[in-house]
Amino acid sequence: MAAAAGRLWLSLGVTCLLVHARLPHTSDKIRGSLVSRRALDVMLAMEQCSLSSVILVTDDSPWAFSVMQDLVDLQAPWGVGVFGVKNQEQNTNMTREKLSQAIATARCLREMSWWVTVMVLSDDPTFLSSFAESSFKNHLLSVHTVRLLAFTRLPLHRLQTLHYFHKTLSRTNALLAVVNDTSPVLRTRVLSWLPFTDPENRPIQVASWTTDQNLSLVYIPNLFPRKFLRFPHRPHVMVTAEEFPSQSAVMVDDPTKPGAKRLTFTGVAEYVMEILSTAMNFTYTYLRAPDKSWGLQKSDGTLSGMLGLITREEVEFTPGPFYLEFRRSQWAEYSAYIFMGGYHVLAAHGHPKPDPWCFLVPLAPVVWATLLIALLAVCSVMLLLPYCFPAHTQEPGSVDTNTFNCVRVLFQEDIKRTKSRWWWDRVMLGVWMLMMVVLTQSYVGNLTSLLAVRYIDQPYQRLEDVVNSDVGIILVQNTLIIHHLKTAKSGPLRELGNLMDTERVAYRSFAELPQTLDTIVVDGSHVVFDMDIIYNHVLPWSYSLTGTCDFYMSRHSYLNTPLGMLAQKNSPLMPRLNQLTCKNPPRIITVTSAFSLSNLWGMFVVLGCGFEVAVVLLAMEHMCDQYR
């Protein structure tokens, strides 16, 4: 399907190219197009794979269309897409609009492909800047399997003034090929801007191409460097975090900062940041949101808290963890999920007390019913069966005595001496006595154990139990649960949302939650409705202070959702963050390593032992031959 789509766009591109191919070319232009064509052939051949496709984007300049005309026979396993956008010099907005439409279509072609190389050819700074801005906003290059190769004859100092062009090339898997076709030696320099560098910083040169030496790589074995795995220049990154029960914000002494103080966090956030900064080789500084919240969308459409800092690009990312939610994914980018979380009710349990109905517990209702039916059946048989015999064979009162003996056995009372002289009466009574002894002794043993058990009342196991009672409810302010409760259409979340403007609901911050538990929650007047990851830190903290387990978490959970880190759209940190969140590592791996004594010494030991055994057997054989 992707190959067919590629051929379709290729045919459209060829039609457009044939029209512009009639433009007059000077010898310099022909010379420059040949240089670009040969350099492109070498670079694409080096990066080709069996699942790759190519997307070509260019303006209507004679040089670019000349190169494109030579590329119409380019072979790509999954097809080639050609997008030519006419550059409106008098109307930049129209150029940007047409380019945005072409990139949106190119993204559809990219989504049908596995491995894509996007190539843009232009000498126009406005076109290159518009392409970078449109591809960045349309997420054409946001997938790690997409590579960008930009060809231009503009000098480097002109490209460094293009903000979006530098931002796109530094934050994506992109290379810049600067063609120099005016010097005696035809040359193309292949450059790469590192992440978190200023436009004024010179990019690193990863390769060069000349007509004499062909393509030569610099320091690295691949054309596209893995610049997101570990930063070579140790950049400085702005991050954000917020307080919750497992971490706190503190100010530490730092003479290099204004006021000789620096914001940091104690707990999970700082632990995660230390691991990431060491693994990726960057330094960081915390920036806290003015409202000290996680972030929601306000009524005026603006975003608050940490979410607002990320969308305004004031910080790069936050370790969170943030619940994965569709609306947030439109403004920022989630990492691979770290763990699952859900919302539970946290309440104080009651005091231990005996169960007044524990005598019903040892036997199930079915056993009680079966026992009653068996008693009625035995009594009926012993009452009615004697009437089947002649009257002179029965002694007066024997029938009534035997029947009441069955009832007396059930209640563990002594029985009267039976007056019946028939053996079947005594057998039935004996079997009934044996069954009752086993049953009653088992019942007495279980009942004795149950009388020593104390039951702790935990009444709030569902959100409906909370809503239908008069207990107060604690919610953490400016979190995602507030949005869910306001937008819920039905069910217990909707019922709880209807109580948000009443006196039953109180709002607290994460920092106030421990004190709230020690006061209005432990006395049973309020419960908390929040994430289980918060309780996992709050409950051990409370137990370490009091030595008693005063709270319980409801068995039923709501809004079970993955949690992950949150970063800017197209953040260069995201590919590496997704690799660090490893849930299921492979059990078998393959490595390339030279043979050495460290991994072959076992074979030599076995070989030596075999030689020794052989020598001993040979000596013994020789001795036996001599004795013979």
Foldseek 3Di string as FASTA:
>chain_A
DLAVVQVVQLVVQLVVLVVLQPDDDDPLLVLLLVLVLQLVVVQCVQPADLFEEEEEEEESDNSVSSNVNVCSPPDHNRHYHYHYQYCDPVDLPVSLVSLLVVLLVVLVSVVVTDAYEYEYEDADLSNLLSNLVSCQLSVSFLDQRYEYEYEYQHDLVSNLVRVSNLQSQQLGQYWYWHWDSPDPWTKIWIFGHHHPDHSVDGTDTQWMATPVPGIDGDPDPHSRDPRLFAHPVAEEFEEEDADFLFKDWDWDAQCVDVVRIAIDMPGDQVVVVVVLCVRHRYHYGYDWWPVRFCWDQDPVRAIGTRLNCFLVVVGFWGFDFAFDDDVSCSRWNFFPFQDKKFKWKKFFWADWAADPPCLQVVDDPVRVVVVVVVLVVLLVCLQPVVVVDDPVQDDPPQSVQLSVLLVCLLVPHDGDDHPHPDPVSVVSSVVSNVVSVVVVVSSVVVSVVRRPGIDMGDQPQDLVSVLPDQAAEEEEPRGPLLVCLCPDDDDSSVSVSVCCPDPRYDYDHSVCVLVCCVPCRLVGRYMYIDMVVSVVSNQVVVCVVPVDRGMDIHPDTPDIGTIGMIGHRSGSNRVNRNVVSDDDDDPDDDDDDDDDCVPCVVVVVVVVVVVVVVVVVVVVVVVVVVVD
